[in-house]
Amino acid sequence: MGFNVLLDIIGSVIIGGMLLLILFRLSDSATENAFNYTGELTSQQNLATVVQILEQDFRKIGYCANWEKIPDPSKSILEADSNKIKFISDLLPEGSPDGNIDTVTYYLGPTSELASTPNPRDRLLYRVINSKSDGGVNLGVTEFKLIYFDALGDTLPFPIINPGAVTSMEINIAVENTSGYDNKYSSVFWRQIRLAARNLKNR
């Protein structure tokens, strides 16, 4: 009789342990799904913010409310690299043209600047207007890659010695959430193929 009771107790402990383990796994899975969903939503929102600002600026390359100040739009791009671009435009930090030429620079900072964040790949994307930086914005950007094309649509190889040959470009941006679950980070990607500022074609 005592032996049967002992078996019942052992069986109950085993079954209870299995049920508890299943419960923990379900809870962990629900937590992971919720964290990933929130992270993906945040990444998509951050990407939309980056794209909106970037497209607005890039489409104004070579633009000035006083067109006489940029008589040759082919000289609007001052520097063109794979993850950095410098150009002239009529662009105040508030985005309102005032008829004066502004120098705008976009570039991606090193990963070491965000060593304090859990994500080892996120970087600061800098937007500098007339040597005044926005300080870099941590929106989880992990990739900011530019490819340039000439008037014939051919890819310009790096290093680009003559930025004036650029008539259009491809923009690639990847964004991840800055905090992941179990070292897993939600990622979103955006590509703009052949973005062309209208003024670059006025040659």
N, C-alpha and C. Protein backbone atom coordinates (compact mmCIF):
# COMPACT_ATOMS: atom_id res chain seq x y z
N MET A 1 0.84 -1.20 0.00
CA MET A 1 0.00 0.00 0.00
C MET A 1 0.87 1.25 0.00
N GLY A 2 1.93 1.26 0.84
CA GLY A 2 2.84 2.40 0.91
C GLY A 2 3.59 2.60 -0.38
N PHE A 3 3.94 1.48 -1.05
CA PHE A 3 4.69 1.55 -2.31
C PHE A 3 3.84 2.21 -3.40
N ASN A 4 2.56 1.86 -3.45
CA ASN A 4 1.66 2.45 -4.44
C ASN A 4 1.48 3.96 -4.22
N VAL A 5 1.42 4.34 -2.98
CA VAL A 5 1.30 5.77 -2.65
C VAL A 5 2.54 6.52 -3.11
N LEU A 6 3.72 5.90 -2.90
CA LEU A 6 4.99 6.51 -3.31
C LEU A 6 5.04 6.68 -4.82
N LEU A 7 4.56 5.65 -5.55
CA LEU A 7 4.53 5.74 -7.02
C LEU A 7 3.59 6.86 -7.47
N ASP A 8 2.45 6.98 -6.78
CA ASP A 8 1.50 8.03 -7.13
C ASP A 8 2.11 9.42 -6.91
N ILE A 9 2.85 9.55 -5.81
CA ILE A 9 3.49 10.85 -5.52
C ILE A 9 4.54 11.18 -6.58
N ILE A 10 5.37 10.17 -6.91
CA ILE A 10 6.41 10.38 -7.92
C ILE A 10 5.78 10.73 -9.28
N GLY A 11 4.71 9.98 -9.63
CA GLY A 11 4.03 10.26 -10.89
C GLY A 11 3.44 11.66 -10.93
N SER A 12 2.86 12.08 -9.80
CA SER A 12 2.27 13.41 -9.73
C SER A 12 3.34 14.49 -9.88
N VAL A 13 4.50 14.25 -9.23
CA VAL A 13 5.60 15.21 -9.31
C VAL A 13 6.08 15.33 -10.76
N ILE A 14 6.23 14.18 -11.44
CA ILE A 14 6.70 14.19 -12.83
C ILE A 14 5.71 14.91 -13.75
N ILE A 15 4.44 14.56 -13.61
CA ILE A 15 3.41 15.19 -14.44
C ILE A 15 3.31 16.68 -14.15
N GLY A 16 3.36 17.03 -12.86
CA GLY A 16 3.31 18.45 -12.48
C GLY A 16 4.50 19.22 -13.04
N GLY A 17 5.68 18.57 -12.98
CA GLY A 17 6.88 19.21 -13.51
C GLY A 17 6.78 19.44 -15.01
N MET A 18 6.24 18.43 -15.73
CA MET A 18 6.07 18.57 -17.17
C MET A 18 5.09 19.68 -17.52
N LEU A 19 3.99 19.75 -16.78
CA LEU A 19 3.01 20.81 -17.02
C LEU A 19 3.60 22.18 -16.73
N LEU A 20 4.40 22.26 -15.66
CA LEU A 20 5.04 23.52 -15.30
C LEU A 20 6.03 23.95 -16.38
N LEU A 21 6.78 22.96 -16.92
CA LEU A 21 7.75 23.25 -17.98
C LEU A 21 7.04 23.75 -19.24
N ILE A 22 5.93 23.10 -19.57
CA ILE A 22 5.14 23.53 -20.74
C ILE A 22 4.62 24.95 -20.54
N LEU A 23 4.18 25.24 -19.31
CA LEU A 23 3.67 26.57 -19.00
C LEU A 23 4.77 27.63 -19.15
N PHE A 24 5.97 27.30 -18.66
CA PHE A 24 7.09 28.23 -18.78
C PHE A 24 7.44 28.48 -20.25
N ARG A 25 7.42 27.41 -21.05
CA ARG A 25 7.74 27.55 -22.47
C ARG A 25 6.70 28.40 -23.18
N LEU A 26 5.44 28.20 -22.85
CA LEU A 26 4.38 29.01 -23.46
C LEU A 26 4.52 30.47 -23.07
N SER A 27 4.85 30.70 -21.81
CA SER A 27 5.02 32.06 -21.33
C SER A 27 6.21 32.73 -22.01
N ASP A 28 7.31 31.97 -22.14
CA ASP A 28 8.51 32.51 -22.79
C ASP A 28 8.24 32.80 -24.26
N SER A 29 7.49 31.90 -24.90
CA SER A 29 7.16 32.09 -26.31
C SER A 29 6.27 33.32 -26.51
N ALA A 30 5.32 33.51 -25.61
CA ALA A 30 4.43 34.68 -25.69
C ALA A 30 5.22 35.97 -25.47
N THR A 31 6.15 35.93 -24.53
CA THR A 31 6.99 37.10 -24.26
C THR A 31 7.85 37.43 -25.46
N GLU A 32 8.45 36.39 -26.07
CA GLU A 32 9.30 36.60 -27.24
C GLU A 32 8.49 37.17 -28.40
N ASN A 33 7.30 36.62 -28.64
CA ASN A 33 6.46 37.11 -29.73
C ASN A 33 6.07 38.57 -29.52
N ALA A 34 5.72 38.91 -28.29
CA ALA A 34 5.34 40.28 -27.98
C ALA A 34 6.52 41.23 -28.15
N PHE A 35 7.70 40.78 -27.71
CA PHE A 35 8.90 41.62 -27.81
C PHE A 35 9.27 41.81 -29.28
N ASN A 36 9.21 40.73 -30.06
CA ASN A 36 9.55 40.82 -31.49
C ASN A 36 8.57 41.70 -32.24
N TYR A 37 7.28 41.57 -31.90
CA TYR A 37 6.27 42.40 -32.57
C TYR A 37 6.51 43.88 -32.29
N THR A 38 6.77 44.20 -31.01
CA THR A 38 7.04 45.58 -30.64
C THR A 38 8.31 46.09 -31.31
N GLY A 39 9.36 45.23 -31.33
CA GLY A 39 10.62 45.62 -31.95
C GLY A 39 10.47 45.86 -33.44
N GLU A 40 9.70 45.00 -34.11
CA GLU A 40 9.50 45.16 -35.56
C GLU A 40 8.70 46.43 -35.86
N LEU A 41 7.70 46.70 -35.05
CA LEU A 41 6.90 47.91 -35.23
C LEU A 41 7.76 49.16 -35.04
N THR A 42 8.60 49.14 -34.01
CA THR A 42 9.50 50.27 -33.75
C THR A 42 10.48 50.46 -34.90
N SER A 43 11.03 49.35 -35.41
CA SER A 43 11.97 49.42 -36.52
C SER A 43 11.32 50.01 -37.77
N GLN A 44 10.08 49.60 -38.04
CA GLN A 44 9.36 50.12 -39.20
C GLN A 44 9.08 51.61 -39.06
N GLN A 45 8.73 52.03 -37.86
CA GLN A 45 8.49 53.46 -37.62
C GLN A 45 9.77 54.26 -37.76
N ASN A 46 10.88 53.73 -37.23
CA ASN A 46 12.17 54.42 -37.34
C ASN A 46 12.61 54.51 -38.79
N LEU A 47 12.41 53.42 -39.55
CA LEU A 47 12.78 53.42 -40.96
C LEU A 47 11.97 54.46 -41.72
N ALA A 48 10.68 54.54 -41.44
CA ALA A 48 9.82 55.52 -42.12
C ALA A 48 10.29 56.94 -41.84
N THR A 49 10.73 57.20 -40.61
CA THR A 49 11.23 58.52 -40.25
C THR A 49 12.50 58.85 -41.02
N VAL A 50 13.43 57.91 -41.06
CA VAL A 50 14.69 58.12 -41.78
C VAL A 50 14.43 58.38 -43.26
N VAL A 51 13.61 57.54 -43.86
CA VAL A 51 13.33 57.64 -45.30
C VAL A 51 12.67 58.97 -45.65
N GLN A 52 11.73 59.39 -44.83
CA GLN A 52 11.01 60.64 -45.10
C GLN A 52 11.96 61.83 -45.12
N ILE A 53 12.84 61.93 -44.15
CA ILE A 53 13.79 63.04 -44.08
C ILE A 53 14.80 62.94 -45.21
N LEU A 54 15.33 61.75 -45.42
CA LEU A 54 16.36 61.55 -46.42
C LEU A 54 15.85 61.84 -47.84
N GLU A 55 14.70 61.31 -48.18
CA GLU A 55 14.15 61.55 -49.52
C GLU A 55 13.87 63.02 -49.75
N GLN A 56 13.35 63.68 -48.75
CA GLN A 56 13.05 65.10 -48.86
C GLN A 56 14.32 65.90 -49.15
N ASP A 57 15.41 65.57 -48.48
CA ASP A 57 16.68 66.28 -48.69
C ASP A 57 17.32 65.93 -50.03
N PHE A 58 17.34 64.63 -50.35
CA PHE A 58 18.03 64.20 -51.56
C PHE A 58 17.37 64.72 -52.83
N ARG A 59 16.05 64.85 -52.81
CA ARG A 59 15.36 65.35 -54.00
C ARG A 59 15.61 66.85 -54.22
N LYS A 60 16.19 67.51 -53.22
CA LYS A 60 16.50 68.94 -53.35
C LYS A 60 17.98 69.18 -53.66
N ILE A 61 18.71 68.13 -53.99
CA ILE A 61 20.11 68.31 -54.35
C ILE A 61 20.18 69.25 -55.56
N GLY A 62 20.99 70.30 -55.43
CA GLY A 62 21.14 71.26 -56.53
C GLY A 62 20.04 72.29 -56.62
N TYR A 63 19.08 72.26 -55.69
CA TYR A 63 17.98 73.23 -55.71
C TYR A 63 18.32 74.45 -54.88
N CYS A 64 17.92 75.61 -55.38
CA CYS A 64 18.03 76.85 -54.60
C CYS A 64 16.90 77.77 -55.04
N ALA A 65 16.27 78.41 -54.08
CA ALA A 65 15.18 79.32 -54.40
C ALA A 65 15.67 80.43 -55.32
N ASN A 66 16.93 80.79 -55.16
CA ASN A 66 17.58 81.73 -56.07
C ASN A 66 18.48 80.91 -56.99
N TRP A 67 17.96 80.52 -58.15
CA TRP A 67 18.66 79.57 -59.03
C TRP A 67 20.00 80.10 -59.51
N GLU A 68 20.19 81.41 -59.51
CA GLU A 68 21.45 81.98 -59.98
C GLU A 68 22.63 81.61 -59.09
N LYS A 69 22.33 81.18 -57.87
CA LYS A 69 23.41 80.81 -56.95
C LYS A 69 23.94 79.41 -57.22
N ILE A 70 23.19 78.61 -57.98
CA ILE A 70 23.67 77.30 -58.41
C ILE A 70 23.48 77.24 -59.94
N PRO A 71 24.31 77.97 -60.67
CA PRO A 71 24.15 78.02 -62.13
C PRO A 71 24.47 76.70 -62.83
N ASP A 72 25.32 75.88 -62.19
CA ASP A 72 25.70 74.60 -62.79
C ASP A 72 25.33 73.46 -61.83
N PRO A 73 24.14 72.87 -62.00
CA PRO A 73 23.69 71.80 -61.09
C PRO A 73 24.60 70.58 -61.09
N SER A 74 25.40 70.39 -62.14
CA SER A 74 26.29 69.22 -62.18
C SER A 74 27.36 69.29 -61.10
N LYS A 75 27.52 70.47 -60.49
CA LYS A 75 28.52 70.63 -59.42
C LYS A 75 27.86 70.61 -58.04
N SER A 76 26.63 70.14 -58.00
CA SER A 76 25.89 70.14 -56.73
C SER A 76 26.41 69.12 -55.74
N ILE A 77 26.86 67.95 -56.24
CA ILE A 77 27.38 66.92 -55.35
C ILE A 77 28.88 67.15 -55.17
N LEU A 78 29.28 67.38 -53.95
CA LEU A 78 30.68 67.69 -53.64
C LEU A 78 31.49 66.44 -53.31
N GLU A 79 30.84 65.46 -52.73
CA GLU A 79 31.51 64.21 -52.34
C GLU A 79 30.53 63.05 -52.43
N ALA A 80 30.95 61.95 -53.02
CA ALA A 80 30.07 60.79 -53.16
C ALA A 80 30.84 59.53 -52.81
N ASP A 81 30.44 58.91 -51.71
CA ASP A 81 31.08 57.67 -51.26
C ASP A 81 29.98 56.65 -50.98
N SER A 82 30.37 55.43 -50.64
CA SER A 82 29.40 54.36 -50.47
C SER A 82 28.48 54.58 -49.27
N ASN A 83 28.98 55.26 -48.23
CA ASN A 83 28.11 55.52 -47.07
C ASN A 83 28.22 56.97 -46.60
N LYS A 84 28.56 57.85 -47.55
CA LYS A 84 28.63 59.27 -47.25
C LYS A 84 28.37 60.08 -48.51
N ILE A 85 27.62 61.16 -48.36
CA ILE A 85 27.37 62.05 -49.49
C ILE A 85 27.35 63.49 -48.97
N LYS A 86 27.93 64.37 -49.76
CA LYS A 86 27.96 65.80 -49.42
C LYS A 86 27.50 66.58 -50.63
N PHE A 87 26.53 67.44 -50.45
CA PHE A 87 25.99 68.18 -51.58
C PHE A 87 25.53 69.57 -51.16
N ILE A 88 25.23 70.41 -52.16
CA ILE A 88 24.72 71.74 -51.87
C ILE A 88 23.24 71.79 -52.24
N SER A 89 22.52 72.57 -51.46
CA SER A 89 21.08 72.71 -51.66
C SER A 89 20.63 73.98 -50.95
N ASP A 90 19.37 74.25 -51.01
CA ASP A 90 18.79 75.36 -50.27
C ASP A 90 17.92 74.74 -49.19
N LEU A 91 18.56 74.44 -48.08
CA LEU A 91 17.88 73.62 -47.08
C LEU A 91 18.27 74.04 -45.67
N LEU A 92 17.38 74.71 -45.01
CA LEU A 92 17.59 75.04 -43.61
C LEU A 92 17.24 73.84 -42.74
N PRO A 93 17.70 73.80 -41.49
CA PRO A 93 17.33 72.69 -40.61
C PRO A 93 15.83 72.48 -40.51
N GLU A 94 15.06 73.56 -40.65
CA GLU A 94 13.60 73.44 -40.59
C GLU A 94 13.03 72.96 -41.92
N GLY A 95 13.85 72.93 -42.97
CA GLY A 95 13.40 72.43 -44.27
C GLY A 95 12.82 73.49 -45.18
N SER A 96 12.88 74.78 -44.78
CA SER A 96 12.33 75.85 -45.59
C SER A 96 13.44 76.56 -46.38
N PRO A 97 13.32 76.64 -47.71
CA PRO A 97 14.34 77.32 -48.50
C PRO A 97 14.33 78.83 -48.25
N ASP A 98 15.52 79.45 -48.28
CA ASP A 98 15.61 80.88 -48.05
C ASP A 98 16.42 81.59 -49.13
N GLY A 99 16.78 80.87 -50.20
CA GLY A 99 17.53 81.48 -51.27
C GLY A 99 19.03 81.48 -51.06
N ASN A 100 19.50 80.85 -49.98
CA ASN A 100 20.93 80.76 -49.71
C ASN A 100 21.40 79.31 -49.85
N ILE A 101 22.65 79.15 -50.27
CA ILE A 101 23.19 77.81 -50.47
C ILE A 101 23.59 77.19 -49.13
N ASP A 102 23.16 75.96 -48.93
CA ASP A 102 23.55 75.21 -47.73
C ASP A 102 24.32 73.96 -48.15
N THR A 103 25.29 73.59 -47.34
CA THR A 103 26.04 72.36 -47.57
C THR A 103 25.50 71.28 -46.66
N VAL A 104 25.06 70.17 -47.26
CA VAL A 104 24.42 69.08 -46.51
C VAL A 104 25.28 67.82 -46.61
N THR A 105 25.51 67.18 -45.48
CA THR A 105 26.30 65.95 -45.46
C THR A 105 25.55 64.88 -44.70
N TYR A 106 25.49 63.70 -45.29
CA TYR A 106 24.94 62.51 -44.64
C TYR A 106 26.06 61.47 -44.54
N TYR A 107 26.22 60.88 -43.37
CA TYR A 107 27.19 59.80 -43.24
C TYR A 107 26.84 58.92 -42.05
N LEU A 108 27.35 57.71 -42.08
CA LEU A 108 27.09 56.73 -41.04
C LEU A 108 28.27 56.64 -40.09
N GLY A 109 28.01 56.76 -38.80
CA GLY A 109 29.07 56.68 -37.81
C GLY A 109 29.49 55.25 -37.53
N PRO A 110 30.58 55.05 -36.78
CA PRO A 110 31.05 53.71 -36.45
C PRO A 110 30.20 53.04 -35.38
N THR A 111 30.25 51.72 -35.32
CA THR A 111 29.48 50.97 -34.32
C THR A 111 29.95 51.27 -32.90
N SER A 112 31.20 51.71 -32.76
CA SER A 112 31.76 51.97 -31.43
C SER A 112 31.03 53.11 -30.72
N GLU A 113 30.36 53.98 -31.48
CA GLU A 113 29.65 55.10 -30.85
C GLU A 113 28.43 54.63 -30.08
N LEU A 114 27.90 53.47 -30.45
CA LEU A 114 26.72 52.94 -29.76
C LEU A 114 27.04 51.62 -29.07
N ALA A 115 28.23 51.56 -28.50
CA ALA A 115 28.64 50.34 -27.80
C ALA A 115 27.78 50.08 -26.56
N SER A 116 27.07 51.10 -26.09
CA SER A 116 26.25 50.96 -24.89
C SER A 116 24.90 50.29 -25.18
N THR A 117 24.52 50.19 -26.45
CA THR A 117 23.24 49.56 -26.79
C THR A 117 23.43 48.05 -26.94
N PRO A 118 22.41 47.26 -26.69
CA PRO A 118 22.52 45.80 -26.81
C PRO A 118 22.86 45.34 -28.24
N ASN A 119 22.32 46.05 -29.24
CA ASN A 119 22.56 45.66 -30.63
C ASN A 119 23.98 46.04 -31.04
N PRO A 120 24.79 45.08 -31.45
CA PRO A 120 26.18 45.38 -31.80
C PRO A 120 26.34 46.01 -33.19
N ARG A 121 25.24 46.11 -33.96
CA ARG A 121 25.34 46.59 -35.34
C ARG A 121 24.76 47.98 -35.56
N ASP A 122 24.01 48.52 -34.61
CA ASP A 122 23.37 49.82 -34.85
C ASP A 122 24.40 50.96 -34.84
N ARG A 123 24.09 51.99 -35.63
CA ARG A 123 25.00 53.13 -35.78
C ARG A 123 24.20 54.43 -35.79
N LEU A 124 24.91 55.53 -35.60
CA LEU A 124 24.31 56.84 -35.70
C LEU A 124 24.34 57.30 -37.15
N LEU A 125 23.22 57.77 -37.65
CA LEU A 125 23.16 58.36 -38.97
C LEU A 125 23.21 59.87 -38.79
N TYR A 126 24.26 60.50 -39.34
CA TYR A 126 24.45 61.92 -39.16
C TYR A 126 23.89 62.72 -40.33
N ARG A 127 23.28 63.83 -40.00
CA ARG A 127 22.79 64.81 -40.98
C ARG A 127 23.39 66.15 -40.57
N VAL A 128 24.30 66.63 -41.38
CA VAL A 128 25.03 67.86 -41.05
C VAL A 128 24.67 68.94 -42.07
N ILE A 129 24.22 70.08 -41.59
CA ILE A 129 23.89 71.21 -42.45
C ILE A 129 24.77 72.39 -42.06
N ASN A 130 25.60 72.82 -43.04
CA ASN A 130 26.51 73.94 -42.80
C ASN A 130 27.36 73.74 -41.54
N SER A 131 27.94 72.54 -41.43
CA SER A 131 28.83 72.19 -40.31
C SER A 131 28.09 72.07 -38.98
N LYS A 132 26.76 72.20 -39.00
CA LYS A 132 25.98 72.04 -37.78
C LYS A 132 25.33 70.67 -37.80
N SER A 133 25.80 69.79 -36.94
CA SER A 133 25.30 68.41 -36.92
C SER A 133 24.09 68.29 -36.02
N ASP A 134 23.22 67.36 -36.38
CA ASP A 134 22.07 67.08 -35.51
C ASP A 134 22.47 66.17 -34.35
N GLY A 135 23.77 65.87 -34.29
CA GLY A 135 24.28 65.03 -33.21
C GLY A 135 24.14 63.55 -33.48
N GLY A 136 23.57 63.22 -34.62
CA GLY A 136 23.37 61.81 -34.93
C GLY A 136 22.13 61.29 -34.24
N VAL A 137 21.35 60.53 -34.94
CA VAL A 137 20.10 60.01 -34.39
C VAL A 137 20.18 58.49 -34.32
N ASN A 138 19.91 57.95 -33.14
CA ASN A 138 19.93 56.51 -32.98
C ASN A 138 18.55 55.94 -33.27
N LEU A 139 18.34 55.58 -34.52
CA LEU A 139 17.09 54.96 -34.94
C LEU A 139 17.30 53.51 -35.32
N GLY A 140 18.43 52.95 -34.91
CA GLY A 140 18.70 51.55 -35.19
C GLY A 140 19.22 51.29 -36.59
N VAL A 141 19.76 52.31 -37.25
CA VAL A 141 20.28 52.13 -38.60
C VAL A 141 21.53 51.24 -38.56
N THR A 142 21.52 50.18 -39.34
CA THR A 142 22.68 49.29 -39.41
C THR A 142 23.35 49.33 -40.78
N GLU A 143 22.64 49.89 -41.76
CA GLU A 143 23.21 50.00 -43.11
C GLU A 143 22.72 51.27 -43.79
N PHE A 144 23.65 52.00 -44.38
CA PHE A 144 23.33 53.17 -45.19
C PHE A 144 24.31 53.11 -46.37
N LYS A 145 23.82 52.58 -47.48
CA LYS A 145 24.70 52.32 -48.61
C LYS A 145 24.18 53.03 -49.85
N LEU A 146 25.09 53.69 -50.55
CA LEU A 146 24.74 54.46 -51.74
C LEU A 146 25.47 53.90 -52.96
N ILE A 147 24.74 53.82 -54.07
CA ILE A 147 25.32 53.43 -55.35
C ILE A 147 24.95 54.52 -56.34
N TYR A 148 25.93 54.96 -57.14
CA TYR A 148 25.72 56.10 -58.02
C TYR A 148 25.75 55.68 -59.49
N PHE A 149 24.99 56.44 -60.31
CA PHE A 149 24.90 56.15 -61.74
C PHE A 149 25.14 57.43 -62.55
N ASP A 150 25.70 57.25 -63.73
CA ASP A 150 25.92 58.40 -64.62
C ASP A 150 24.72 58.61 -65.53
N ALA A 151 24.85 59.52 -66.50
CA ALA A 151 23.74 59.88 -67.38
C ALA A 151 23.29 58.71 -68.26
N LEU A 152 24.18 57.76 -68.49
CA LEU A 152 23.83 56.60 -69.31
C LEU A 152 23.25 55.46 -68.49
N GLY A 153 23.19 55.65 -67.17
CA GLY A 153 22.64 54.62 -66.29
C GLY A 153 23.67 53.60 -65.85
N ASP A 154 24.94 53.86 -66.15
CA ASP A 154 26.01 52.94 -65.75
C ASP A 154 26.44 53.23 -64.31
N THR A 155 26.81 52.18 -63.60
CA THR A 155 27.28 52.34 -62.22
C THR A 155 28.65 52.99 -62.18
N LEU A 156 28.80 53.98 -61.34
CA LEU A 156 30.09 54.65 -61.18
C LEU A 156 30.91 53.91 -60.13
N PRO A 157 32.12 53.47 -60.47
CA PRO A 157 32.95 52.73 -59.50
C PRO A 157 33.57 53.66 -58.46
N PHE A 158 33.84 53.10 -57.29
CA PHE A 158 34.53 53.85 -56.23
C PHE A 158 36.03 53.68 -56.38
N PRO A 159 36.79 54.71 -56.01
CA PRO A 159 36.34 56.02 -55.54
C PRO A 159 35.85 56.90 -56.69
N ILE A 160 34.84 57.69 -56.43
CA ILE A 160 34.29 58.57 -57.45
C ILE A 160 35.07 59.87 -57.44
N ILE A 161 35.90 60.03 -58.45
CA ILE A 161 36.78 61.21 -58.54
C ILE A 161 36.00 62.42 -59.03
N ASN A 162 35.01 62.18 -59.88
CA ASN A 162 34.22 63.27 -60.44
C ASN A 162 32.76 63.15 -60.01
N PRO A 163 32.39 63.72 -58.86
CA PRO A 163 31.00 63.63 -58.39
C PRO A 163 30.00 64.27 -59.36
N GLY A 164 30.50 65.16 -60.23
CA GLY A 164 29.62 65.81 -61.18
C GLY A 164 29.03 64.86 -62.20
N ALA A 165 29.58 63.65 -62.28
CA ALA A 165 29.07 62.66 -63.23
C ALA A 165 27.81 61.97 -62.71
N VAL A 166 27.51 62.15 -61.42
CA VAL A 166 26.35 61.49 -60.82
C VAL A 166 25.05 62.16 -61.28
N THR A 167 24.13 61.36 -61.82
CA THR A 167 22.82 61.88 -62.20
C THR A 167 21.69 61.21 -61.42
N SER A 168 21.97 60.04 -60.85
CA SER A 168 20.97 59.34 -60.03
C SER A 168 21.68 58.41 -59.08
N MET A 169 20.96 57.86 -58.13
CA MET A 169 21.59 57.00 -57.13
C MET A 169 20.60 55.98 -56.58
N GLU A 170 21.18 54.93 -56.04
CA GLU A 170 20.39 53.92 -55.34
C GLU A 170 20.70 54.03 -53.86
N ILE A 171 19.65 54.01 -53.04
CA ILE A 171 19.82 54.16 -51.60
C ILE A 171 19.35 52.90 -50.91
N ASN A 172 20.19 52.33 -50.07
CA ASN A 172 19.84 51.13 -49.31
C ASN A 172 19.97 51.43 -47.82
N ILE A 173 18.90 51.18 -47.08
CA ILE A 173 18.90 51.43 -45.64
C ILE A 173 18.33 50.23 -44.91
N ALA A 174 19.02 49.79 -43.88
CA ALA A 174 18.55 48.71 -43.02
C ALA A 174 18.45 49.23 -41.60
N VAL A 175 17.37 48.87 -40.93
CA VAL A 175 17.14 49.31 -39.55
C VAL A 175 16.78 48.11 -38.69
N GLU A 176 17.39 48.01 -37.51
CA GLU A 176 17.08 46.97 -36.55
C GLU A 176 16.67 47.61 -35.24
N ASN A 177 15.90 46.88 -34.43
CA ASN A 177 15.59 47.43 -33.11
C ASN A 177 16.85 47.41 -32.26
N THR A 178 17.00 48.40 -31.43
CA THR A 178 18.23 48.56 -30.65
C THR A 178 18.34 47.54 -29.53
N SER A 179 17.21 46.97 -29.11
CA SER A 179 17.23 45.94 -28.07
C SER A 179 16.53 44.69 -28.59
N GLY A 180 17.19 43.56 -28.50
CA GLY A 180 16.62 42.32 -29.01
C GLY A 180 16.25 41.37 -27.89
N TYR A 181 15.60 40.29 -28.27
CA TYR A 181 15.23 39.24 -27.31
C TYR A 181 16.10 38.03 -27.58
N ASP A 182 16.89 37.65 -26.59
CA ASP A 182 17.79 36.51 -26.74
C ASP A 182 18.73 36.72 -27.93
N ASN A 183 19.25 37.95 -28.04
CA ASN A 183 20.19 38.33 -29.10
C ASN A 183 19.60 38.21 -30.50
N LYS A 184 18.27 38.31 -30.59
CA LYS A 184 17.60 38.31 -31.90
C LYS A 184 16.98 39.69 -32.10
N TYR A 185 17.28 40.31 -33.25
CA TYR A 185 16.84 41.66 -33.50
C TYR A 185 15.97 41.73 -34.75
N SER A 186 14.82 42.39 -34.63
CA SER A 186 13.95 42.57 -35.78
C SER A 186 14.63 43.50 -36.77
N SER A 187 14.50 43.19 -38.06
CA SER A 187 15.18 43.98 -39.09
C SER A 187 14.23 44.32 -40.22
N VAL A 188 14.32 45.55 -40.71
CA VAL A 188 13.55 45.99 -41.88
C VAL A 188 14.51 46.65 -42.86
N PHE A 189 14.17 46.56 -44.14
CA PHE A 189 15.07 47.05 -45.19
C PHE A 189 14.29 47.89 -46.18
N TRP A 190 14.92 48.95 -46.68
CA TRP A 190 14.29 49.83 -47.68
C TRP A 190 15.31 50.14 -48.77
N ARG A 191 14.83 50.15 -49.99
CA ARG A 191 15.71 50.46 -51.13
C ARG A 191 14.99 51.42 -52.07
N GLN A 192 15.66 52.48 -52.41
CA GLN A 192 15.16 53.42 -53.41
C GLN A 192 16.05 53.28 -54.64
N ILE A 193 15.48 52.77 -55.71
CA ILE A 193 16.25 52.53 -56.93
C ILE A 193 16.16 53.75 -57.84
N ARG A 194 17.32 54.21 -58.24
CA ARG A 194 17.44 55.32 -59.19
C ARG A 194 16.70 56.59 -58.74
N LEU A 195 16.97 57.01 -57.52
CA LEU A 195 16.45 58.30 -57.09
C LEU A 195 17.21 59.38 -57.84
N ALA A 196 16.48 60.28 -58.46
CA ALA A 196 17.12 61.34 -59.25
C ALA A 196 16.57 62.69 -58.84
N ALA A 197 17.45 63.55 -58.35
CA ALA A 197 17.04 64.92 -58.06
C ALA A 197 16.87 65.62 -59.41
N ARG A 198 15.77 66.31 -59.57
CA ARG A 198 15.46 66.92 -60.87
C ARG A 198 16.57 67.86 -61.34
N ASN A 199 17.19 68.57 -60.39
CA ASN A 199 18.21 69.55 -60.78
C ASN A 199 19.49 68.91 -61.29
N LEU A 200 19.74 67.64 -60.94
CA LEU A 200 20.96 66.99 -61.42
C LEU A 200 20.91 66.75 -62.93
N LYS A 201 19.72 66.74 -63.47
CA LYS A 201 19.59 66.49 -64.90
C LYS A 201 19.60 67.76 -65.73
N ASN A 202 19.63 68.90 -65.02
CA ASN A 202 19.70 70.19 -65.74
C ASN A 202 21.15 70.50 -66.06
N ARG A 203 21.63 69.97 -67.16
CA ARG A 203 23.04 70.13 -67.52
C ARG A 203 23.17 70.86 -68.86
